[in-house]
Amino acid sequence: MKCVSVYTKDFALFSDIYEQIMAAPPAENEEIIIEGVTVSGAGDVPDQYIERMRVKPECVVMKERERNITILQHGEVFEICMPAALLV
């Protein structure tokens, strides 16, 4: 799974820019700014990472089933975890 980190704790703002991020996600180790929010290509994450985060009480897990995307929210960051095929 590929991961994109979005540095905001504001769910409404994240929701507003989510489709922009998905339309043109940053490359690995690339940072972009969208509406004042830093978005970073975090590279690959193992499936075990998602499972470890899922059990943490401070982590919210959302799933977009159609595209097999998992969104983790914890602290002041959202992590969008998606199959690498979506980045092609």
C-alpha atoms as a PDB file:
ATOM      1  CA  MET A   1       0.000   0.000   0.000  1.00  0.00           C
ATOM      2  CA  LYS A   2       1.116   3.524  -0.774  1.00  0.00           C
ATOM      3  CA  CYS A   3       0.575   6.223   1.841  1.00  0.00           C
ATOM      4  CA  VAL A   4      -0.045   9.950   1.572  1.00  0.00           C
ATOM      5  CA  SER A   5       0.101  12.034   4.764  1.00  0.00           C
ATOM      6  CA  VAL A   6      -2.126  15.088   5.110  1.00  0.00           C
ATOM      7  CA  TYR A   7      -1.098  17.385   7.963  1.00  0.00           C
ATOM      8  CA  THR A   8      -4.317  18.795   9.398  1.00  0.00           C
ATOM      9  CA  LYS A   9      -6.634  17.874  12.238  1.00  0.00           C
ATOM     10  CA  ASP A  10      -9.580  19.634  10.555  1.00  0.00           C
ATOM     11  CA  PHE A  11     -11.844  16.914   9.122  1.00  0.00           C
ATOM     12  CA  ALA A  12     -13.929  19.400   7.123  1.00  0.00           C
ATOM     13  CA  LEU A  13     -10.824  20.820   5.440  1.00  0.00           C
ATOM     14  CA  PHE A  14      -9.498  17.314   4.775  1.00  0.00           C
ATOM     15  CA  SER A  15     -12.842  16.380   3.197  1.00  0.00           C
ATOM     16  CA  ASP A  16     -12.728  19.501   1.018  1.00  0.00           C
ATOM     17  CA  ILE A  17      -9.289  18.689  -0.435  1.00  0.00           C
ATOM     18  CA  TYR A  18      -9.503  14.861  -0.474  1.00  0.00           C
ATOM     19  CA  GLU A  19     -10.498  14.524  -4.144  1.00  0.00           C
ATOM     20  CA  GLN A  20      -7.787  17.021  -5.183  1.00  0.00           C
ATOM     21  CA  ILE A  21      -5.226  14.867  -3.385  1.00  0.00           C
ATOM     22  CA  MET A  22      -6.545  11.706  -5.011  1.00  0.00           C
ATOM     23  CA  ALA A  23      -6.529  13.324  -8.475  1.00  0.00           C
ATOM     24  CA  ALA A  24      -2.830  14.217  -8.206  1.00  0.00           C
ATOM     25  CA  PRO A  25      -1.176  12.602  -5.157  1.00  0.00           C
ATOM     26  CA  PRO A  26       2.405  13.620  -4.388  1.00  0.00           C
ATOM     27  CA  ALA A  27       5.224  11.254  -5.293  1.00  0.00           C
ATOM     28  CA  GLU A  28       7.195   9.498  -2.585  1.00  0.00           C
ATOM     29  CA  ASN A  29       9.145  12.059  -0.492  1.00  0.00           C
ATOM     30  CA  GLU A  30       7.411  14.933  -2.323  1.00  0.00           C
ATOM     31  CA  GLU A  31       5.555  17.640  -0.407  1.00  0.00           C
ATOM     32  CA  ILE A  32       2.833  19.808  -1.883  1.00  0.00           C
ATOM     33  CA  ILE A  33       0.589  22.465  -0.366  1.00  0.00           C
ATOM     34  CA  ILE A  34      -3.153  22.382  -1.056  1.00  0.00           C
ATOM     35  CA  GLU A  35      -5.260  25.178   0.455  1.00  0.00           C
ATOM     36  CA  GLY A  36      -2.574  25.784   3.070  1.00  0.00           C
ATOM     37  CA  VAL A  37      -2.295  22.109   4.064  1.00  0.00           C
ATOM     38  CA  THR A  38       0.936  20.164   3.646  1.00  0.00           C
ATOM     39  CA  VAL A  39       0.434  16.880   1.777  1.00  0.00           C
ATOM     40  CA  SER A  40       3.349  14.462   1.627  1.00  0.00           C
ATOM     41  CA  GLY A  41       4.037  11.232  -0.251  1.00  0.00           C
ATOM     42  CA  ALA A  42       5.044   8.882   2.549  1.00  0.00           C
ATOM     43  CA  GLY A  43       5.879   5.879   0.380  1.00  0.00           C
ATOM     44  CA  ASP A  44       4.982   2.257   1.084  1.00  0.00           C
ATOM     45  CA  VAL A  45       3.395   1.001   4.290  1.00  0.00           C
ATOM     46  CA  PRO A  46       2.974  -2.678   5.117  1.00  0.00           C
ATOM     47  CA  ASP A  47      -0.537  -4.071   5.663  1.00  0.00           C
ATOM     48  CA  GLN A  48       0.481  -4.769   9.267  1.00  0.00           C
ATOM     49  CA  TYR A  49       0.816  -1.003   9.848  1.00  0.00           C
ATOM     50  CA  ILE A  50      -2.882  -0.490   9.124  1.00  0.00           C
ATOM     51  CA  GLU A  51      -3.785  -3.370  11.432  1.00  0.00           C
ATOM     52  CA  ARG A  52      -1.577  -1.972  14.231  1.00  0.00           C
ATOM     53  CA  MET A  53      -3.139   1.491  13.869  1.00  0.00           C
ATOM     54  CA  ARG A  54      -6.671   0.055  13.738  1.00  0.00           C
ATOM     55  CA  VAL A  55      -6.438  -1.170  17.369  1.00  0.00           C
ATOM     56  CA  LYS A  56      -5.163   2.126  18.808  1.00  0.00           C
ATOM     57  CA  PRO A  57      -7.929   4.000  20.647  1.00  0.00           C
ATOM     58  CA  GLU A  58      -6.653   7.395  19.457  1.00  0.00           C
ATOM     59  CA  CYS A  59      -6.855   6.387  15.785  1.00  0.00           C
ATOM     60  CA  VAL A  60      -9.971   6.758  13.649  1.00  0.00           C
ATOM     61  CA  VAL A  61     -10.153   4.366  10.689  1.00  0.00           C
ATOM     62  CA  MET A  62     -12.274   5.143   7.619  1.00  0.00           C
ATOM     63  CA  LYS A  63     -12.645   2.962   4.549  1.00  0.00           C
ATOM     64  CA  GLU A  64     -13.505   3.887   0.981  1.00  0.00           C
ATOM     65  CA  ARG A  65     -14.546   0.466  -0.258  1.00  0.00           C
ATOM     66  CA  GLU A  66     -14.924   1.284  -3.960  1.00  0.00           C
ATOM     67  CA  ARG A  67     -11.239   2.139  -4.398  1.00  0.00           C
ATOM     68  CA  ASN A  68      -9.954   0.011  -1.455  1.00  0.00           C
ATOM     69  CA  ILE A  69      -8.618   3.100   0.338  1.00  0.00           C
ATOM     70  CA  THR A  70      -8.090   3.211   4.094  1.00  0.00           C
ATOM     71  CA  ILE A  71      -7.875   6.590   5.807  1.00  0.00           C
ATOM     72  CA  LEU A  72      -6.319   6.794   9.261  1.00  0.00           C
ATOM     73  CA  GLN A  73      -6.742   9.893  11.421  1.00  0.00           C
ATOM     74  CA  HIS A  74      -4.591  10.317  14.493  1.00  0.00           C
ATOM     75  CA  GLY A  75      -3.194  13.386  16.154  1.00  0.00           C
ATOM     76  CA  GLU A  76      -2.929  16.159  13.585  1.00  0.00           C
ATOM     77  CA  VAL A  77      -2.506  13.937  10.547  1.00  0.00           C
ATOM     78  CA  PHE A  78      -4.624  11.945   8.132  1.00  0.00           C
ATOM     79  CA  GLU A  79      -2.958   9.058   6.307  1.00  0.00           C
ATOM     80  CA  ILE A  80      -4.479   7.907   3.033  1.00  0.00           C
ATOM     81  CA  CYS A  81      -3.397   4.311   2.365  1.00  0.00           C
ATOM     82  CA  MET A  82      -4.187   3.050  -1.122  1.00  0.00           C
ATOM     83  CA  PRO A  83      -3.184   0.281  -3.510  1.00  0.00           C
ATOM     84  CA  ALA A  84      -0.176   1.249  -5.627  1.00  0.00           C
ATOM     85  CA  ALA A  85      -2.257   0.646  -8.769  1.00  0.00           C
ATOM     86  CA  LEU A  86      -4.269   3.810  -8.018  1.00  0.00           C
ATOM     87  CA  LEU A  87      -1.138   5.909  -8.414  1.00  0.00           C
ATOM     88  CA  VAL A  88      -0.451   4.806 -11.973  1.00  0.00           C
END
